[in-house]
Amino acid sequence: MTSRVRTVTFDAHNPYEIAGFWLQVLKAERPDDDHPGDPYAAVPADGLTVLFEQNNDEKVVKNRGHLDLEPDGPRDEEVAWLLTLGATIAHDHRNPDGTGWVTMQDPEGNEFCVLRSASERAATS
């Protein structure tokens, strides 16, 4: 028997609002059954769901898990666009040769990384 990942769940103060941020990031449509004030909000993304679950506890330490995003276009353009949506840069691991990644935080402080695109990786191989 084999299991597969169906849902990745994050705690959230406002599930509906933070799901709205991630719906923009992943260019996904909000499910019809998600409503403001619900204890859960879902973001469907390529075969799995990112779920935000109501939890009023404060985030105290670094996430033990996070999402790694591979943009379709240049990494640096994706980082710039994510900043306009309300993300912040937590750690910049970009190298002068173009390798590396950027660790960012969503508006609720959840970390995620922006990697180089497939074409950027291929260009440096």
PDB file of N, CA and C in Angstrom:
ATOM      1  N   MET A   1       0.854  -1.175   0.000  1.00  0.00           N
ATOM      2  CA  MET A   1       0.000   0.000   0.000  1.00  0.00           C
ATOM      3  C   MET A   1       0.896   1.233   0.000  1.00  0.00           C
ATOM      4  N   THR A   2       0.480   2.244  -0.735  1.00  0.00           N
ATOM      5  CA  THR A   2       1.233   3.489  -0.837  1.00  0.00           C
ATOM      6  C   THR A   2       0.325   4.661  -0.503  1.00  0.00           C
ATOM      7  N   SER A   3       0.862   5.641   0.203  1.00  0.00           N
ATOM      8  CA  SER A   3       0.124   6.877   0.492  1.00  0.00           C
ATOM      9  C   SER A   3       0.622   7.980  -0.410  1.00  0.00           C
ATOM     10  N   ARG A   4      -0.191   8.986  -0.612  1.00  0.00           N
ATOM     11  CA  ARG A   4       0.227  10.166  -1.356  1.00  0.00           C
ATOM     12  C   ARG A   4      -0.188  11.397  -0.566  1.00  0.00           C
ATOM     13  N   VAL A   5       0.518  12.480  -0.755  1.00  0.00           N
ATOM     14  CA  VAL A   5       0.177  13.733  -0.075  1.00  0.00           C
ATOM     15  C   VAL A   5      -1.014  14.345  -0.802  1.00  0.00           C
ATOM     16  N   ARG A   6      -2.078  14.580  -0.078  1.00  0.00           N
ATOM     17  CA  ARG A   6      -3.273  15.191  -0.642  1.00  0.00           C
ATOM     18  C   ARG A   6      -3.406  16.651  -0.214  1.00  0.00           C
ATOM     19  N   THR A   7      -3.023  16.921   1.052  1.00  0.00           N
ATOM     20  CA  THR A   7      -3.199  18.256   1.609  1.00  0.00           C
ATOM     21  C   THR A   7      -1.987  18.619   2.454  1.00  0.00           C
ATOM     22  N   VAL A   8      -1.533  19.856   2.318  1.00  0.00           N
ATOM     23  CA  VAL A   8      -0.521  20.431   3.197  1.00  0.00           C
ATOM     24  C   VAL A   8      -1.251  21.506   3.988  1.00  0.00           C
ATOM     25  N   THR A   9      -1.207  21.428   5.318  1.00  0.00           N
ATOM     26  CA  THR A   9      -2.007  22.312   6.162  1.00  0.00           C
ATOM     27  C   THR A   9      -1.126  23.246   6.980  1.00  0.00           C
ATOM     28  N   PHE A  10      -1.539  24.508   7.028  1.00  0.00           N
ATOM     29  CA  PHE A  10      -0.869  25.526   7.831  1.00  0.00           C
ATOM     30  C   PHE A  10      -1.875  26.132   8.795  1.00  0.00           C
ATOM     31  N   ASP A  11      -1.416  26.457  10.006  1.00  0.00           N
ATOM     32  CA  ASP A  11      -2.239  27.214  10.934  1.00  0.00           C
ATOM     33  C   ASP A  11      -2.367  28.643  10.433  1.00  0.00           C
ATOM     34  N   ALA A  12      -3.496  29.281  10.738  1.00  0.00           N
ATOM     35  CA  ALA A  12      -3.719  30.656  10.278  1.00  0.00           C
ATOM     36  C   ALA A  12      -4.626  31.398  11.244  1.00  0.00           C
ATOM     37  N   HIS A  13      -4.356  32.682  11.409  1.00  0.00           N
ATOM     38  CA  HIS A  13      -5.275  33.517  12.183  1.00  0.00           C
ATOM     39  C   HIS A  13      -6.549  33.760  11.392  1.00  0.00           C
ATOM     40  N   ASN A  14      -6.403  34.040  10.099  1.00  0.00           N
ATOM     41  CA  ASN A  14      -7.553  34.308   9.238  1.00  0.00           C
ATOM     42  C   ASN A  14      -7.423  33.434   7.988  1.00  0.00           C
ATOM     43  N   PRO A  15      -7.955  32.211   8.042  1.00  0.00           N
ATOM     44  CA  PRO A  15      -7.794  31.287   6.927  1.00  0.00           C
ATOM     45  C   PRO A  15      -8.255  31.844   5.585  1.00  0.00           C
ATOM     46  N   TYR A  16      -9.394  32.493   5.552  1.00  0.00           N
ATOM     47  CA  TYR A  16      -9.939  33.011   4.296  1.00  0.00           C
ATOM     48  C   TYR A  16      -9.005  34.059   3.686  1.00  0.00           C
ATOM     49  N   GLU A  17      -8.498  34.958   4.518  1.00  0.00           N
ATOM     50  CA  GLU A  17      -7.632  36.034   4.035  1.00  0.00           C
ATOM     51  C   GLU A  17      -6.285  35.508   3.541  1.00  0.00           C
ATOM     52  N   ILE A  18      -5.640  34.637   4.315  1.00  0.00           N
ATOM     53  CA  ILE A  18      -4.328  34.142   3.900  1.00  0.00           C
ATOM     54  C   ILE A  18      -4.472  33.216   2.694  1.00  0.00           C
ATOM     55  N   ALA A  19      -5.572  32.497   2.601  1.00  0.00           N
ATOM     56  CA  ALA A  19      -5.816  31.693   1.396  1.00  0.00           C
ATOM     57  C   ALA A  19      -5.931  32.605   0.177  1.00  0.00           C
ATOM     58  N   GLY A  20      -6.501  33.795   0.365  1.00  0.00           N
ATOM     59  CA  GLY A  20      -6.592  34.756  -0.744  1.00  0.00           C
ATOM     60  C   GLY A  20      -5.220  35.145  -1.274  1.00  0.00           C
ATOM     61  N   PHE A  21      -4.257  35.333  -0.368  1.00  0.00           N
ATOM     62  CA  PHE A  21      -2.881  35.617  -0.783  1.00  0.00           C
ATOM     63  C   PHE A  21      -2.350  34.461  -1.625  1.00  0.00           C
ATOM     64  N   TRP A  22      -2.480  33.226  -1.117  1.00  0.00           N
ATOM     65  CA  TRP A  22      -1.936  32.052  -1.808  1.00  0.00           C
ATOM     66  C   TRP A  22      -2.685  31.735  -3.095  1.00  0.00           C
ATOM     67  N   LEU A  23      -3.966  32.051  -3.170  1.00  0.00           N
ATOM     68  CA  LEU A  23      -4.700  31.879  -4.432  1.00  0.00           C
ATOM     69  C   LEU A  23      -4.076  32.743  -5.526  1.00  0.00           C
ATOM     70  N   GLN A  24      -3.652  33.957  -5.161  1.00  0.00           N
ATOM     71  CA  GLN A  24      -2.973  34.825  -6.132  1.00  0.00           C
ATOM     72  C   GLN A  24      -1.610  34.264  -6.509  1.00  0.00           C
ATOM     73  N   VAL A  25      -0.851  33.822  -5.502  1.00  0.00           N
ATOM     74  CA  VAL A  25       0.493  33.290  -5.748  1.00  0.00           C
ATOM     75  C   VAL A  25       0.426  32.105  -6.706  1.00  0.00           C
ATOM     76  N   LEU A  26      -0.494  31.178  -6.444  1.00  0.00           N
ATOM     77  CA  LEU A  26      -0.576  29.948  -7.226  1.00  0.00           C
ATOM     78  C   LEU A  26      -1.548  30.050  -8.400  1.00  0.00           C
ATOM     79  N   LYS A  27      -2.115  31.254  -8.582  1.00  0.00           N
ATOM     80  CA  LYS A  27      -3.061  31.501  -9.674  1.00  0.00           C
ATOM     81  C   LYS A  27      -4.155  30.427  -9.709  1.00  0.00           C
ATOM     82  N   ALA A  28      -4.755  30.221  -8.547  1.00  0.00           N
ATOM     83  CA  ALA A  28      -5.806  29.219  -8.376  1.00  0.00           C
ATOM     84  C   ALA A  28      -7.143  29.910  -8.106  1.00  0.00           C
ATOM     85  N   GLU A  29      -8.213  29.174  -8.293  1.00  0.00           N
ATOM     86  CA  GLU A  29      -9.565  29.679  -8.035  1.00  0.00           C
ATOM     87  C   GLU A  29     -10.014  29.279  -6.640  1.00  0.00           C
ATOM     88  N   ARG A  30     -10.698  30.196  -5.952  1.00  0.00           N
ATOM     89  CA  ARG A  30     -11.201  29.893  -4.617  1.00  0.00           C
ATOM     90  C   ARG A  30     -12.349  28.882  -4.732  1.00  0.00           C
ATOM     91  N   PRO A  31     -12.326  27.814  -3.921  1.00  0.00           N
ATOM     92  CA  PRO A  31     -13.440  26.861  -3.932  1.00  0.00           C
ATOM     93  C   PRO A  31     -14.752  27.543  -3.533  1.00  0.00           C
ATOM     94  N   ASP A  32     -15.844  27.105  -4.137  1.00  0.00           N
ATOM     95  CA  ASP A  32     -17.152  27.706  -3.885  1.00  0.00           C
ATOM     96  C   ASP A  32     -17.601  27.592  -2.436  1.00  0.00           C
ATOM     97  N   ASP A  33     -17.092  26.593  -1.711  1.00  0.00           N
ATOM     98  CA  ASP A  33     -17.544  26.392  -0.332  1.00  0.00           C
ATOM     99  C   ASP A  33     -16.669  27.082   0.714  1.00  0.00           C
ATOM    100  N   ASP A  34     -15.716  27.917   0.296  1.00  0.00           N
ATOM    101  CA  ASP A  34     -14.910  28.704   1.234  1.00  0.00           C
ATOM    102  C   ASP A  34     -15.553  30.074   1.432  1.00  0.00           C
ATOM    103  N   HIS A  35     -15.730  30.453   2.689  1.00  0.00           N
ATOM    104  CA  HIS A  35     -16.393  31.722   3.006  1.00  0.00           C
ATOM    105  C   HIS A  35     -15.666  32.410   4.158  1.00  0.00           C
ATOM    106  N   PRO A  36     -15.708  33.759   4.209  1.00  0.00           N
ATOM    107  CA  PRO A  36     -15.099  34.473   5.337  1.00  0.00           C
ATOM    108  C   PRO A  36     -15.665  33.947   6.659  1.00  0.00           C
ATOM    109  N   GLY A  37     -14.790  33.776   7.631  1.00  0.00           N
ATOM    110  CA  GLY A  37     -15.209  33.303   8.947  1.00  0.00           C
ATOM    111  C   GLY A  37     -15.197  31.793   9.107  1.00  0.00           C
ATOM    112  N   ASP A  38     -15.062  31.053   8.004  1.00  0.00           N
ATOM    113  CA  ASP A  38     -14.969  29.595   8.104  1.00  0.00           C
ATOM    114  C   ASP A  38     -13.673  29.215   8.821  1.00  0.00           C
ATOM    115  N   PRO A  39     -13.641  28.073   9.505  1.00  0.00           N
ATOM    116  CA  PRO A  39     -12.416  27.658  10.205  1.00  0.00           C
ATOM    117  C   PRO A  39     -11.335  27.098   9.278  1.00  0.00           C
ATOM    118  N   TYR A  40     -11.665  26.864   8.023  1.00  0.00           N
ATOM    119  CA  TYR A  40     -10.710  26.350   7.037  1.00  0.00           C
ATOM    120  C   TYR A  40     -10.876  27.105   5.725  1.00  0.00           C
ATOM    121  N   ALA A  41      -9.798  27.213   4.974  1.00  0.00           N
ATOM    122  CA  ALA A  41      -9.858  27.748   3.610  1.00  0.00           C
ATOM    123  C   ALA A  41      -8.833  26.990   2.776  1.00  0.00           C
ATOM    124  N   ALA A  42      -9.241  26.602   1.575  1.00  0.00           N
ATOM    125  CA  ALA A  42      -8.415  25.748   0.732  1.00  0.00           C
ATOM    126  C   ALA A  42      -7.886  26.487  -0.493  1.00  0.00           C
ATOM    127  N   VAL A  43      -6.696  26.042  -0.917  1.00  0.00           N
ATOM    128  CA  VAL A  43      -6.086  26.536  -2.151  1.00  0.00           C
ATOM    129  C   VAL A  43      -5.732  25.301  -2.980  1.00  0.00           C
ATOM    130  N   PRO A  44      -6.535  24.993  -4.012  1.00  0.00           N
ATOM    131  CA  PRO A  44      -6.217  23.842  -4.854  1.00  0.00           C
ATOM    132  C   PRO A  44      -5.002  24.142  -5.725  1.00  0.00           C
ATOM    133  N   ALA A  45      -4.025  23.213  -5.734  1.00  0.00           N
ATOM    134  CA  ALA A  45      -2.777  23.477  -6.462  1.00  0.00           C
ATOM    135  C   ALA A  45      -2.212  22.201  -7.050  1.00  0.00           C
ATOM    136  N   ASP A  46      -2.353  22.017  -8.340  1.00  0.00           N
ATOM    137  CA  ASP A  46      -1.707  20.915  -9.069  1.00  0.00           C
ATOM    138  C   ASP A  46      -1.719  19.571  -8.351  1.00  0.00           C
ATOM    139  N   GLY A  47      -2.890  19.035  -8.075  1.00  0.00           N
ATOM    140  CA  GLY A  47      -2.972  17.697  -7.523  1.00  0.00           C
ATOM    141  C   GLY A  47      -2.933  17.603  -6.007  1.00  0.00           C
ATOM    142  N   LEU A  48      -2.697  18.710  -5.329  1.00  0.00           N
ATOM    143  CA  LEU A  48      -2.790  18.703  -3.876  1.00  0.00           C
ATOM    144  C   LEU A  48      -3.447  20.000  -3.439  1.00  0.00           C
ATOM    145  N   THR A  49      -3.825  20.043  -2.185  1.00  0.00           N
ATOM    146  CA  THR A  49      -4.484  21.226  -1.642  1.00  0.00           C
ATOM    147  C   THR A  49      -3.638  21.808  -0.527  1.00  0.00           C
ATOM    148  N   VAL A  50      -3.457  23.126  -0.551  1.00  0.00           N
ATOM    149  CA  VAL A  50      -2.860  23.839   0.570  1.00  0.00           C
ATOM    150  C   VAL A  50      -4.040  24.332   1.400  1.00  0.00           C
ATOM    151  N   LEU A  51      -4.087  23.904   2.653  1.00  0.00           N
ATOM    152  CA  LEU A  51      -5.222  24.208   3.515  1.00  0.00           C
ATOM    153  C   LEU A  51      -4.776  25.101   4.661  1.00  0.00           C
ATOM    154  N   PHE A  52      -5.570  26.105   4.966  1.00  0.00           N
ATOM    155  CA  PHE A  52      -5.302  26.986   6.092  1.00  0.00           C
ATOM    156  C   PHE A  52      -6.380  26.749   7.128  1.00  0.00           C
ATOM    157  N   GLU A  53      -5.926  26.433   8.346  1.00  0.00           N
ATOM    158  CA  GLU A  53      -6.807  26.038   9.441  1.00  0.00           C
ATOM    159  C   GLU A  53      -6.755  27.089  10.540  1.00  0.00           C
ATOM    160  N   GLN A  54      -7.912  27.482  11.039  1.00  0.00           N
ATOM    161  CA  GLN A  54      -8.004  28.494  12.094  1.00  0.00           C
ATOM    162  C   GLN A  54      -7.224  28.068  13.331  1.00  0.00           C
ATOM    163  N   ASN A  55      -6.309  28.936  13.760  1.00  0.00           N
ATOM    164  CA  ASN A  55      -5.549  28.729  14.990  1.00  0.00           C
ATOM    165  C   ASN A  55      -5.075  30.100  15.438  1.00  0.00           C
ATOM    166  N   ASN A  56      -5.472  30.500  16.618  1.00  0.00           N
ATOM    167  CA  ASN A  56      -5.135  31.845  17.093  1.00  0.00           C
ATOM    168  C   ASN A  56      -3.818  31.930  17.843  1.00  0.00           C
ATOM    169  N   ASP A  57      -3.103  30.802  17.974  1.00  0.00           N
ATOM    170  CA  ASP A  57      -1.793  30.833  18.617  1.00  0.00           C
ATOM    171  C   ASP A  57      -0.843  31.671  17.777  1.00  0.00           C
ATOM    172  N   GLU A  58       0.074  32.362  18.442  1.00  0.00           N
ATOM    173  CA  GLU A  58       1.089  33.143  17.729  1.00  0.00           C
ATOM    174  C   GLU A  58       2.175  32.221  17.204  1.00  0.00           C
ATOM    175  N   LYS A  59       2.700  32.538  16.038  1.00  0.00           N
ATOM    176  CA  LYS A  59       3.849  31.813  15.497  1.00  0.00           C
ATOM    177  C   LYS A  59       5.056  32.245  16.318  1.00  0.00           C
ATOM    178  N   VAL A  60       5.789  31.268  16.865  1.00  0.00           N
ATOM    179  CA  VAL A  60       6.880  31.585  17.772  1.00  0.00           C
ATOM    180  C   VAL A  60       8.245  31.284  17.158  1.00  0.00           C
ATOM    181  N   VAL A  61       8.348  30.205  16.413  1.00  0.00           N
ATOM    182  CA  VAL A  61       9.631  29.786  15.850  1.00  0.00           C
ATOM    183  C   VAL A  61       9.485  29.540  14.353  1.00  0.00           C
ATOM    184  N   LYS A  62      10.607  29.245  13.727  1.00  0.00           N
ATOM    185  CA  LYS A  62      10.628  28.937  12.308  1.00  0.00           C
ATOM    186  C   LYS A  62       9.722  27.744  12.011  1.00  0.00           C
ATOM    187  N   ASN A  63       9.073  27.774  10.848  1.00  0.00           N
ATOM    188  CA  ASN A  63       8.271  26.624  10.422  1.00  0.00           C
ATOM    189  C   ASN A  63       9.155  25.381  10.343  1.00  0.00           C
ATOM    190  N   ARG A  64       8.593  24.244  10.667  1.00  0.00           N
ATOM    191  CA  ARG A  64       9.324  22.977  10.500  1.00  0.00           C
ATOM    192  C   ARG A  64       9.123  22.441   9.099  1.00  0.00           C
ATOM    193  N   GLY A  65       8.180  22.950   8.372  1.00  0.00           N
ATOM    194  CA  GLY A  65       7.941  22.595   6.977  1.00  0.00           C
ATOM    195  C   GLY A  65       7.607  23.858   6.214  1.00  0.00           C
ATOM    196  N   HIS A  66       7.850  23.846   4.923  1.00  0.00           N
ATOM    197  CA  HIS A  66       7.514  25.012   4.112  1.00  0.00           C
ATOM    198  C   HIS A  66       7.346  24.596   2.665  1.00  0.00           C
ATOM    199  N   LEU A  67       6.804  25.480   1.857  1.00  0.00           N
ATOM    200  CA  LEU A  67       6.648  25.244   0.425  1.00  0.00           C
ATOM    201  C   LEU A  67       7.851  25.809  -0.312  1.00  0.00           C
ATOM    202  N   ASP A  68       8.300  25.113  -1.347  1.00  0.00           N
ATOM    203  CA  ASP A  68       9.310  25.623  -2.273  1.00  0.00           C
ATOM    204  C   ASP A  68       8.599  25.899  -3.590  1.00  0.00           C
ATOM    205  N   LEU A  69       8.663  27.140  -4.044  1.00  0.00           N
ATOM    206  CA  LEU A  69       8.017  27.528  -5.293  1.00  0.00           C
ATOM    207  C   LEU A  69       9.024  27.568  -6.423  1.00  0.00           C
ATOM    208  N   GLU A  70       8.666  26.984  -7.554  1.00  0.00           N
ATOM    209  CA  GLU A  70       9.474  27.070  -8.773  1.00  0.00           C
ATOM    210  C   GLU A  70       8.673  27.892  -9.774  1.00  0.00           C
ATOM    211  N   PRO A  71       9.053  29.136 -10.004  1.00  0.00           N
ATOM    212  CA  PRO A  71       8.279  29.979 -10.917  1.00  0.00           C
ATOM    213  C   PRO A  71       8.452  29.550 -12.376  1.00  0.00           C
ATOM    214  N   ASP A  72       7.494  29.946 -13.215  1.00  0.00           N
ATOM    215  CA  ASP A  72       7.590  29.707 -14.656  1.00  0.00           C
ATOM    216  C   ASP A  72       8.637  30.612 -15.285  1.00  0.00           C
ATOM    217  N   GLY A  73       8.785  31.804 -14.722  1.00  0.00           N
ATOM    218  CA  GLY A  73       9.733  32.781 -15.254  1.00  0.00           C
ATOM    219  C   GLY A  73      10.893  32.986 -14.297  1.00  0.00           C
ATOM    220  N   PRO A  74      11.635  34.067 -14.497  1.00  0.00           N
ATOM    221  CA  PRO A  74      12.810  34.334 -13.663  1.00  0.00           C
ATOM    222  C   PRO A  74      12.472  34.453 -12.170  1.00  0.00           C
ATOM    223  N   ARG A  75      13.320  33.853 -11.360  1.00  0.00           N
ATOM    224  CA  ARG A  75      13.135  33.871  -9.903  1.00  0.00           C
ATOM    225  C   ARG A  75      13.009  35.296  -9.379  1.00  0.00           C
ATOM    226  N   ASP A  76      13.902  36.193  -9.824  1.00  0.00           N
ATOM    227  CA  ASP A  76      13.914  37.545  -9.278  1.00  0.00           C
ATOM    228  C   ASP A  76      12.641  38.313  -9.611  1.00  0.00           C
ATOM    229  N   GLU A  77      12.061  38.052 -10.786  1.00  0.00           N
ATOM    230  CA  GLU A  77      10.778  38.682 -11.130  1.00  0.00           C
ATOM    231  C   GLU A  77       9.663  38.151 -10.241  1.00  0.00           C
ATOM    232  N   GLU A  78       9.700  36.855  -9.942  1.00  0.00           N
ATOM    233  CA  GLU A  78       8.696  36.262  -9.056  1.00  0.00           C
ATOM    234  C   GLU A  78       8.806  36.862  -7.652  1.00  0.00           C
ATOM    235  N   VAL A  79      10.024  37.003  -7.156  1.00  0.00           N
ATOM    236  CA  VAL A  79      10.229  37.603  -5.835  1.00  0.00           C
ATOM    237  C   VAL A  79       9.662  39.022  -5.811  1.00  0.00           C
ATOM    238  N   ALA A  80       9.943  39.804  -6.842  1.00  0.00           N
ATOM    239  CA  ALA A  80       9.432  41.184  -6.914  1.00  0.00           C
ATOM    240  C   ALA A  80       7.905  41.195  -6.911  1.00  0.00           C
ATOM    241  N   TRP A  81       7.289  40.293  -7.662  1.00  0.00           N
ATOM    242  CA  TRP A  81       5.825  40.229  -7.724  1.00  0.00           C
ATOM    243  C   TRP A  81       5.241  39.815  -6.374  1.00  0.00           C
ATOM    244  N   LEU A  82       5.857  38.828  -5.704  1.00  0.00           N
ATOM    245  CA  LEU A  82       5.373  38.375  -4.407  1.00  0.00           C
ATOM    246  C   LEU A  82       5.438  39.494  -3.370  1.00  0.00           C
ATOM    247  N   LEU A  83       6.447  40.338  -3.461  1.00  0.00           N
ATOM    248  CA  LEU A  83       6.537  41.495  -2.560  1.00  0.00           C
ATOM    249  C   LEU A  83       5.338  42.420  -2.746  1.00  0.00           C
ATOM    250  N   THR A  84       4.852  42.583  -3.983  1.00  0.00           N
ATOM    251  CA  THR A  84       3.687  43.451  -4.220  1.00  0.00           C
ATOM    252  C   THR A  84       2.414  42.854  -3.638  1.00  0.00           C
ATOM    253  N   LEU A  85       2.390  41.515  -3.452  1.00  0.00           N
ATOM    254  CA  LEU A  85       1.214  40.858  -2.870  1.00  0.00           C
ATOM    255  C   LEU A  85       1.209  40.911  -1.344  1.00  0.00           C
ATOM    256  N   GLY A  86       2.332  41.311  -0.740  1.00  0.00           N
ATOM    257  CA  GLY A  86       2.401  41.396   0.711  1.00  0.00           C
ATOM    258  C   GLY A  86       3.386  40.448   1.360  1.00  0.00           C
ATOM    259  N   ALA A  87       4.119  39.664   0.559  1.00  0.00           N
ATOM    260  CA  ALA A  87       5.167  38.805   1.110  1.00  0.00           C
ATOM    261  C   ALA A  87       6.351  39.670   1.528  1.00  0.00           C
ATOM    262  N   THR A  88       7.203  39.130   2.377  1.00  0.00           N
ATOM    263  CA  THR A  88       8.433  39.815   2.774  1.00  0.00           C
ATOM    264  C   THR A  88       9.604  38.852   2.602  1.00  0.00           C
ATOM    265  N   ILE A  89      10.796  39.403   2.464  1.00  0.00           N
ATOM    266  CA  ILE A  89      11.997  38.580   2.367  1.00  0.00           C
ATOM    267  C   ILE A  89      12.520  38.325   3.776  1.00  0.00           C
ATOM    268  N   ALA A  90      12.665  37.046   4.121  1.00  0.00           N
ATOM    269  CA  ALA A  90      13.213  36.668   5.424  1.00  0.00           C
ATOM    270  C   ALA A  90      14.719  36.474   5.333  1.00  0.00           C
ATOM    271  N   HIS A  91      15.172  35.785   4.279  1.00  0.00           N
ATOM    272  CA  HIS A  91      16.605  35.524   4.074  1.00  0.00           C
ATOM    273  C   HIS A  91      16.868  35.451   2.574  1.00  0.00           C
ATOM    274  N   ASP A  92      17.886  36.121   2.134  1.00  0.00           N
ATOM    275  CA  ASP A  92      18.240  36.132   0.720  1.00  0.00           C
ATOM    276  C   ASP A  92      19.469  35.245   0.519  1.00  0.00           C
ATOM    277  N   HIS A  93      19.269  34.125  -0.155  1.00  0.00           N
ATOM    278  CA  HIS A  93      20.343  33.154  -0.390  1.00  0.00           C
ATOM    279  C   HIS A  93      20.778  33.161  -1.858  1.00  0.00           C
ATOM    280  N   ARG A  94      20.527  34.268  -2.573  1.00  0.00           N
ATOM    281  CA  ARG A  94      20.953  34.363  -3.966  1.00  0.00           C
ATOM    282  C   ARG A  94      22.458  34.606  -4.021  1.00  0.00           C
ATOM    283  N   ASN A  95      23.103  33.959  -4.978  1.00  0.00           N
ATOM    284  CA  ASN A  95      24.540  34.071  -5.167  1.00  0.00           C
ATOM    285  C   ASN A  95      24.856  34.904  -6.401  1.00  0.00           C
ATOM    286  N   PRO A  96      26.044  35.501  -6.444  1.00  0.00           N
ATOM    287  CA  PRO A  96      26.425  36.321  -7.603  1.00  0.00           C
ATOM    288  C   PRO A  96      26.339  35.577  -8.938  1.00  0.00           C
ATOM    289  N   ASP A  97      26.512  34.246  -8.917  1.00  0.00           N
ATOM    290  CA  ASP A  97      26.450  33.484 -10.172  1.00  0.00           C
ATOM    291  C   ASP A  97      25.014  33.138 -10.584  1.00  0.00           C
ATOM    292  N   GLY A  98      24.007  33.621  -9.836  1.00  0.00           N
ATOM    293  CA  GLY A  98      22.604  33.385 -10.180  1.00  0.00           C
ATOM    294  C   GLY A  98      21.984  32.188  -9.490  1.00  0.00           C
ATOM    295  N   THR A  99      22.789  31.364  -8.828  1.00  0.00           N
ATOM    296  CA  THR A  99      22.232  30.230  -8.098  1.00  0.00           C
ATOM    297  C   THR A  99      21.601  30.725  -6.797  1.00  0.00           C
ATOM    298  N   GLY A 100      21.026  29.805  -6.049  1.00  0.00           N
ATOM    299  CA  GLY A 100      20.457  30.151  -4.748  1.00  0.00           C
ATOM    300  C   GLY A 100      18.950  30.317  -4.784  1.00  0.00           C
ATOM    301  N   TRP A 101      18.414  30.775  -3.696  1.00  0.00           N
ATOM    302  CA  TRP A 101      16.975  30.924  -3.515  1.00  0.00           C
ATOM    303  C   TRP A 101      16.720  32.077  -2.560  1.00  0.00           C
ATOM    304  N   VAL A 102      15.440  32.430  -2.422  1.00  0.00           N
ATOM    305  CA  VAL A 102      15.020  33.477  -1.491  1.00  0.00           C
ATOM    306  C   VAL A 102      13.991  32.872  -0.544  1.00  0.00           C
ATOM    307  N   THR A 103      14.248  32.984   0.759  1.00  0.00           N
ATOM    308  CA  THR A 103      13.275  32.573   1.764  1.00  0.00           C
ATOM    309  C   THR A 103      12.390  33.778   2.057  1.00  0.00           C
ATOM    310  N   MET A 104      11.094  33.581   1.876  1.00  0.00           N
ATOM    311  CA  MET A 104      10.135  34.672   2.067  1.00  0.00           C
ATOM    312  C   MET A 104       9.131  34.266   3.140  1.00  0.00           C
ATOM    313  N   GLN A 105       8.317  35.227   3.543  1.00  0.00           N
ATOM    314  CA  GLN A 105       7.224  34.968   4.474  1.00  0.00           C
ATOM    315  C   GLN A 105       5.942  35.518   3.879  1.00  0.00           C
ATOM    316  N   ASP A 106       4.847  34.752   4.053  1.00  0.00           N
ATOM    317  CA  ASP A 106       3.547  35.257   3.626  1.00  0.00           C
ATOM    318  C   ASP A 106       3.071  36.279   4.660  1.00  0.00           C
ATOM    319  N   PRO A 107       1.924  36.937   4.444  1.00  0.00           N
ATOM    320  CA  PRO A 107       1.477  37.963   5.392  1.00  0.00           C
ATOM    321  C   PRO A 107       1.253  37.489   6.830  1.00  0.00           C
ATOM    322  N   GLU A 108       1.125  36.174   7.065  1.00  0.00           N
ATOM    323  CA  GLU A 108       0.995  35.668   8.429  1.00  0.00           C
ATOM    324  C   GLU A 108       2.309  35.122   8.979  1.00  0.00           C
ATOM    325  N   GLY A 109       3.400  35.262   8.221  1.00  0.00           N
ATOM    326  CA  GLY A 109       4.706  34.861   8.708  1.00  0.00           C
ATOM    327  C   GLY A 109       5.143  33.453   8.356  1.00  0.00           C
ATOM    328  N   ASN A 110       4.343  32.715   7.567  1.00  0.00           N
ATOM    329  CA  ASN A 110       4.741  31.370   7.149  1.00  0.00           C
ATOM    330  C   ASN A 110       5.847  31.460   6.109  1.00  0.00           C
ATOM    331  N   GLU A 111       6.944  30.731   6.345  1.00  0.00           N
ATOM    332  CA  GLU A 111       8.068  30.765   5.413  1.00  0.00           C
ATOM    333  C   GLU A 111       7.786  29.937   4.168  1.00  0.00           C
ATOM    334  N   PHE A 112       8.346  30.394   3.051  1.00  0.00           N
ATOM    335  CA  PHE A 112       8.360  29.631   1.811  1.00  0.00           C
ATOM    336  C   PHE A 112       9.576  30.087   1.027  1.00  0.00           C
ATOM    337  N   CYS A 113      10.029  29.260   0.110  1.00  0.00           N
ATOM    338  CA  CYS A 113      11.218  29.593  -0.676  1.00  0.00           C
ATOM    339  C   CYS A 113      10.851  29.762  -2.141  1.00  0.00           C
ATOM    340  N   VAL A 114      11.550  30.673  -2.796  1.00  0.00           N
ATOM    341  CA  VAL A 114      11.409  30.850  -4.230  1.00  0.00           C
ATOM    342  C   VAL A 114      12.721  30.390  -4.858  1.00  0.00           C
ATOM    343  N   LEU A 115      12.622  29.336  -5.645  1.00  0.00           N
ATOM    344  CA  LEU A 115      13.769  28.732  -6.300  1.00  0.00           C
ATOM    345  C   LEU A 115      13.949  29.336  -7.690  1.00  0.00           C
ATOM    346  N   ARG A 116      15.017  28.945  -8.364  1.00  0.00           N
ATOM    347  CA  ARG A 116      15.190  29.341  -9.762  1.00  0.00           C
ATOM    348  C   ARG A 116      14.219  28.550 -10.624  1.00  0.00           C
ATOM    349  N   SER A 117      13.852  29.118 -11.750  1.00  0.00           N
ATOM    350  CA  SER A 117      12.985  28.417 -12.694  1.00  0.00           C
ATOM    351  C   SER A 117      13.775  27.300 -13.365  1.00  0.00           C
ATOM    352  N   ALA A 118      13.065  26.392 -14.029  1.00  0.00           N
ATOM    353  CA  ALA A 118      13.721  25.302 -14.745  1.00  0.00           C
ATOM    354  C   ALA A 118      14.656  25.849 -15.819  1.00  0.00           C
ATOM    355  N   SER A 119      14.236  26.907 -16.515  1.00  0.00           N
ATOM    356  CA  SER A 119      15.095  27.467 -17.570  1.00  0.00           C
ATOM    357  C   SER A 119      16.339  28.134 -16.985  1.00  0.00           C
ATOM    358  N   GLU A 120      16.225  28.745 -15.811  1.00  0.00           N
ATOM    359  CA  GLU A 120      17.411  29.335 -15.171  1.00  0.00           C
ATOM    360  C   GLU A 120      18.389  28.239 -14.729  1.00  0.00           C
ATOM    361  N   ARG A 121      17.860  27.143 -14.225  1.00  0.00           N
ATOM    362  CA  ARG A 121      18.732  26.034 -13.825  1.00  0.00           C
ATOM    363  C   ARG A 121      19.409  25.424 -15.048  1.00  0.00           C
ATOM    364  N   ALA A 122      18.670  25.259 -16.127  1.00  0.00           N
ATOM    365  CA  ALA A 122      19.234  24.674 -17.346  1.00  0.00           C
ATOM    366  C   ALA A 122      20.322  25.545 -17.943  1.00  0.00           C
ATOM    367  N   ALA A 123      20.181  26.860 -17.810  1.00  0.00           N
ATOM    368  CA  ALA A 123      21.163  27.792 -18.383  1.00  0.00           C
ATOM    369  C   ALA A 123      22.486  27.745 -17.655  1.00  0.00           C
ATOM    370  N   THR A 124      22.501  27.266 -16.415  1.00  0.00           N
ATOM    371  CA  THR A 124      23.763  27.211 -15.658  1.00  0.00           C
ATOM    372  C   THR A 124      24.302  25.801 -15.537  1.00  0.00           C
ATOM    373  N   SER A 125      23.690  24.852 -16.230  1.00  0.00           N
ATOM    374  CA  SER A 125      24.151  23.452 -16.154  1.00  0.00           C
ATOM    375  C   SER A 125      25.361  23.238 -17.035  1.00  0.00           C
TER     376      SER A 125
END
